[in-house]
C-alpha atoms as a PDB file:
ATOM      1  CA  MET A   1     127.001 154.751 106.870  1.00  0.00           C
ATOM      2  CA  ALA A   2     126.153 151.043 106.929  1.00  0.00           C
ATOM      3  CA  ARG A   3     127.880 148.796 109.406  1.00  0.00           C
ATOM      4  CA  THR A   4     130.480 146.384 107.993  1.00  0.00           C
ATOM      5  CA  LEU A   5     131.377 143.358 110.081  1.00  0.00           C
ATOM      6  CA  ALA A   6     132.855 139.908 109.524  1.00  0.00           C
ATOM      7  CA  THR A   7     133.799 138.101 112.709  1.00  0.00           C
ATOM      8  CA  ASP A   8     136.297 135.264 112.619  1.00  0.00           C
ATOM      9  CA  GLU A   9     133.414 132.885 113.270  1.00  0.00           C
ATOM     10  CA  ALA A  10     131.471 134.372 110.344  1.00  0.00           C
ATOM     11  CA  LYS A  11     134.502 133.930 108.078  1.00  0.00           C
ATOM     12  CA  SER A  12     134.761 130.329 109.236  1.00  0.00           C
ATOM     13  CA  LYS A  13     131.065 129.740 108.502  1.00  0.00           C
ATOM     14  CA  VAL A  14     131.460 131.273 105.037  1.00  0.00           C
ATOM     15  CA  ALA A  15     134.307 128.840 104.332  1.00  0.00           C
ATOM     16  CA  GLU A  16     132.243 125.936 105.691  1.00  0.00           C
ATOM     17  CA  PHE A  17     129.221 127.021 103.636  1.00  0.00           C
ATOM     18  CA  LYS A  18     131.312 127.262 100.465  1.00  0.00           C
ATOM     19  CA  SER A  19     132.814 123.842 101.144  1.00  0.00           C
ATOM     20  CA  LEU A  20     129.366 122.301 101.508  1.00  0.00           C
ATOM     21  CA  VAL A  21     128.075 123.988  98.355  1.00  0.00           C
ATOM     22  CA  THR A  22     131.065 123.322  96.106  1.00  0.00           C
ATOM     23  CA  GLY A  23     132.037 119.969  97.525  1.00  0.00           C
ATOM     24  CA  GLN A  24     129.448 117.800  99.110  1.00  0.00           C
ATOM     25  CA  LEU A  25     126.218 119.279  97.791  1.00  0.00           C
ATOM     26  CA  GLU A  26     127.406 119.845  94.237  1.00  0.00           C
ATOM     27  CA  GLY A  27     128.940 116.374  94.233  1.00  0.00           C
ATOM     28  CA  LEU A  28     125.669 114.826  95.384  1.00  0.00           C
ATOM     29  CA  ILE A  29     123.743 116.651  92.673  1.00  0.00           C
ATOM     30  CA  VAL A  30     126.167 115.387  90.023  1.00  0.00           C
ATOM     31  CA  GLN A  31     125.924 111.833  91.394  1.00  0.00           C
ATOM     32  CA  MET A  32     122.120 111.945  91.512  1.00  0.00           C
ATOM     33  CA  ASP A  33     121.979 113.265  87.967  1.00  0.00           C
ATOM     34  CA  GLY A  34     124.318 110.527  86.778  1.00  0.00           C
ATOM     35  CA  CYS A  35     122.213 107.825  88.423  1.00  0.00           C
ATOM     36  CA  GLY A  36     119.037 109.268  86.932  1.00  0.00           C
ATOM     37  CA  GLN A  37     120.599 109.466  83.480  1.00  0.00           C
ATOM     38  CA  PHE A  38     121.697 105.840  83.769  1.00  0.00           C
ATOM     39  CA  LEU A  39     118.277 104.687  84.951  1.00  0.00           C
ATOM     40  CA  SER A  40     116.505 106.594  82.193  1.00  0.00           C
ATOM     41  CA  GLU A  41     118.141 104.346  79.580  1.00  0.00           C
ATOM     42  CA  PRO A  42     115.867 101.389  78.656  1.00  0.00           C
ATOM     43  CA  ASN A  43     118.920  99.175  78.090  1.00  0.00           C
ATOM     44  CA  ASN A  44     119.812  99.653  81.774  1.00  0.00           C
ATOM     45  CA  TRP A  45     116.391  99.604  83.400  1.00  0.00           C
ATOM     46  CA  ASP A  46     113.050  98.769  81.849  1.00  0.00           C
ATOM     47  CA  GLY A  47     109.530  97.785  82.733  1.00  0.00           C
ATOM     48  CA  PRO A  48     106.327  99.676  83.550  1.00  0.00           C
ATOM     49  CA  LYS A  49     107.749 101.535  86.542  1.00  0.00           C
ATOM     50  CA  ALA A  50     111.013 102.286  84.740  1.00  0.00           C
ATOM     51  CA  ILE A  51     109.015 103.715  81.826  1.00  0.00           C
ATOM     52  CA  GLN A  52     107.052 105.844  84.285  1.00  0.00           C
ATOM     53  CA  PHE A  53     110.342 107.008  85.838  1.00  0.00           C
ATOM     54  CA  ARG A  54     111.944 108.051  82.544  1.00  0.00           C
ATOM     55  CA  SER A  55     108.817 109.610  81.038  1.00  0.00           C
ATOM     56  CA  ASP A  56     107.103 111.232  84.023  1.00  0.00           C
ATOM     57  CA  LEU A  57     109.541 111.653  86.897  1.00  0.00           C
ATOM     58  CA  TRP A  58     113.047 111.955  85.494  1.00  0.00           C
ATOM     59  CA  PRO A  59     112.663 114.880  83.041  1.00  0.00           C
ATOM     60  CA  SER A  60     111.437 117.308  85.705  1.00  0.00           C
ATOM     61  CA  THR A  61     113.867 115.956  88.293  1.00  0.00           C
ATOM     62  CA  HIS A  62     116.782 116.320  85.865  1.00  0.00           C
ATOM     63  CA  THR A  63     115.757 119.929  85.175  1.00  0.00           C
ATOM     64  CA  ALA A  64     115.447 120.627  88.905  1.00  0.00           C
ATOM     65  CA  LEU A  65     118.921 119.198  89.570  1.00  0.00           C
ATOM     66  CA  GLN A  66     120.437 121.313  86.806  1.00  0.00           C
ATOM     67  CA  THR A  67     118.657 124.405  88.136  1.00  0.00           C
ATOM     68  CA  ALA A  68     119.864 123.660  91.662  1.00  0.00           C
ATOM     69  CA  LYS A  69     123.460 123.359  90.445  1.00  0.00           C
ATOM     70  CA  THR A  70     123.189 126.666  88.573  1.00  0.00           C
ATOM     71  CA  LYS A  71     121.709 128.408  91.618  1.00  0.00           C
ATOM     72  CA  LEU A  72     124.431 127.006  93.864  1.00  0.00           C
ATOM     73  CA  ASP A  73     127.091 128.308  91.474  1.00  0.00           C
ATOM     74  CA  GLU A  74     125.424 131.740  91.553  1.00  0.00           C
ATOM     75  CA  LEU A  75     125.265 131.600  95.353  1.00  0.00           C
ATOM     76  CA  GLN A  76     128.946 130.751  95.604  1.00  0.00           C
ATOM     77  CA  THR A  77     129.861 133.678  93.350  1.00  0.00           C
ATOM     78  CA  ALA A  78     127.686 136.029  95.396  1.00  0.00           C
ATOM     79  CA  ILE A  79     129.222 134.846  98.670  1.00  0.00           C
ATOM     80  CA  ASP A  80     132.730 135.368  97.290  1.00  0.00           C
ATOM     81  CA  THR A  81     131.823 138.890  96.177  1.00  0.00           C
ATOM     82  CA  ILE A  82     130.124 139.805  99.447  1.00  0.00           C
ATOM     83  CA  LEU A  83     132.948 138.464 101.615  1.00  0.00           C
ATOM     84  CA  GLY A  84     135.513 140.226  99.443  1.00  0.00           C
ATOM     85  CA  ASP A  85     133.626 143.517  99.765  1.00  0.00           C
ATOM     86  CA  ILE A  86     133.393 143.108 103.528  1.00  0.00           C
ATOM     87  CA  MET A  87     137.083 142.326 103.841  1.00  0.00           C
ATOM     88  CA  VAL A  88     138.018 145.400 101.757  1.00  0.00           C
ATOM     89  CA  ALA A  89     135.674 147.641 103.742  1.00  0.00           C
ATOM     90  CA  GLY A  90     136.924 146.291 107.065  1.00  0.00           C
ATOM     91  CA  SER A  91     140.594 146.791 106.330  1.00  0.00           C
END
């Protein structure tokens, strides 16, 4: 039989991890995406470097930010499931 363990410190770190993922990190991703969307509008920012930003840099960065947010959501769900399973097994 596999060992099941969740120390109080581990539970605390799970809560901290979830807080970072769902609060600070997700919030930063949303803010970065918003800034990039704003800067990709020619009426807000234009010129040779702005054109380079919106045509070359921003599309792949936007996709990467969206992918990161999706992966973080999946990670949060997995952590919730794993911790729940551990708590059930340990009780």
